[in-house]
């Protein structure tokens, strides 16, 4: 009886993981991360190092 309960819980968890993975994948398609600011900051810091 205990083994059946464990298997049921594991099956439920794996299903939840699949749902979460699908939700994350869907979110990833909708999220756009702006990259230019990071590049500008890194180039400025490099120039500062050259000055010193």
C-alpha atoms as a PDB file:
ATOM      1  CA  UNK A   1       0.000   0.000   0.000  1.00  0.00           C
ATOM      2  CA  UNK A   2       2.833   2.380   0.881  1.00  0.00           C
ATOM      3  CA  UNK A   3       4.586   1.729  -2.432  1.00  0.00           C
ATOM      4  CA  UNK A   4       1.408   2.581  -4.355  1.00  0.00           C
ATOM      5  CA  UNK A   5       1.086   5.846  -2.416  1.00  0.00           C
ATOM      6  CA  UNK A   6       4.717   6.754  -3.102  1.00  0.00           C
ATOM      7  CA  UNK A   7       4.320   6.006  -6.792  1.00  0.00           C
ATOM      8  CA  UNK A   8       1.181   8.155  -6.897  1.00  0.00           C
ATOM      9  CA  UNK A   9       3.014  11.064  -5.252  1.00  0.00           C
ATOM     10  CA  UNK A  10       5.988  10.722  -7.600  1.00  0.00           C
ATOM     11  CA  UNK A  11       3.686  10.646 -10.620  1.00  0.00           C
ATOM     12  CA  UNK A  12       1.923  13.776  -9.342  1.00  0.00           C
ATOM     13  CA  UNK A  13       5.232  15.562  -8.762  1.00  0.00           C
ATOM     14  CA  UNK A  14       6.565  14.660 -12.197  1.00  0.00           C
ATOM     15  CA  UNK A  15       3.342  15.983 -13.753  1.00  0.00           C
ATOM     16  CA  UNK A  16       3.733  19.247 -11.834  1.00  0.00           C
ATOM     17  CA  UNK A  17       7.349  19.520 -12.985  1.00  0.00           C
ATOM     18  CA  UNK A  18       6.250  19.093 -16.599  1.00  0.00           C
ATOM     19  CA  UNK A  19       3.611  21.803 -16.127  1.00  0.00           C
ATOM     20  CA  UNK A  20       6.188  24.165 -14.600  1.00  0.00           C
ATOM     21  CA  UNK A  21       8.693  23.462 -17.367  1.00  0.00           C
ATOM     22  CA  UNK A  22       6.036  24.211 -19.986  1.00  0.00           C
ATOM     23  CA  UNK A  23       5.067  27.436 -18.200  1.00  0.00           C
ATOM     24  CA  UNK A  24       8.706  28.548 -17.963  1.00  0.00           C
ATOM     25  CA  UNK A  25       9.238  27.795 -21.650  1.00  0.00           C
ATOM     26  CA  UNK A  26       6.138  29.838 -22.519  1.00  0.00           C
ATOM     27  CA  UNK A  27       7.347  32.707 -20.332  1.00  0.00           C
ATOM     28  CA  UNK A  28      10.801  32.608 -21.904  1.00  0.00           C
ATOM     29  CA  UNK A  29       9.279  33.156 -25.349  1.00  0.00           C
ATOM     30  CA  UNK A  30       7.532  36.320 -24.117  1.00  0.00           C
ATOM     31  CA  UNK A  31      10.409  37.861 -22.142  1.00  0.00           C
ATOM     32  CA  UNK A  32      12.853  40.143 -23.966  1.00  0.00           C
ATOM     33  CA  UNK A  33      15.947  41.233 -22.047  1.00  0.00           C
ATOM     34  CA  UNK A  34      17.481  44.545 -23.236  1.00  0.00           C
ATOM     35  CA  UNK A  35      21.228  44.056 -23.698  1.00  0.00           C
ATOM     36  CA  UNK A  36      22.630  47.464 -24.890  1.00  0.00           C
ATOM     37  CA  UNK A  37      22.833  49.059 -21.374  1.00  0.00           C
ATOM     38  CA  UNK A  38      25.032  46.224 -20.082  1.00  0.00           C
ATOM     39  CA  UNK A  39      27.353  46.544 -23.071  1.00  0.00           C
ATOM     40  CA  UNK A  40      27.653  50.323 -22.586  1.00  0.00           C
ATOM     41  CA  UNK A  41      28.519  49.918 -18.912  1.00  0.00           C
ATOM     42  CA  UNK A  42      31.217  47.339 -19.621  1.00  0.00           C
ATOM     43  CA  UNK A  43      32.849  49.501 -22.322  1.00  0.00           C
ATOM     44  CA  UNK A  44      32.851  52.551 -19.994  1.00  0.00           C
ATOM     45  CA  UNK A  45      34.493  50.583 -17.189  1.00  0.00           C
ATOM     46  CA  UNK A  46      37.156  49.373 -19.615  1.00  0.00           C
ATOM     47  CA  UNK A  47      37.935  52.969 -20.625  1.00  0.00           C
ATOM     48  CA  UNK A  48      38.250  53.983 -16.967  1.00  0.00           C
ATOM     49  CA  UNK A  49      40.778  51.205 -16.408  1.00  0.00           C
ATOM     50  CA  UNK A  50      42.807  52.391 -19.411  1.00  0.00           C
ATOM     51  CA  UNK A  51      42.891  55.968 -18.063  1.00  0.00           C
ATOM     52  CA  UNK A  52      44.335  54.775 -14.757  1.00  0.00           C
END
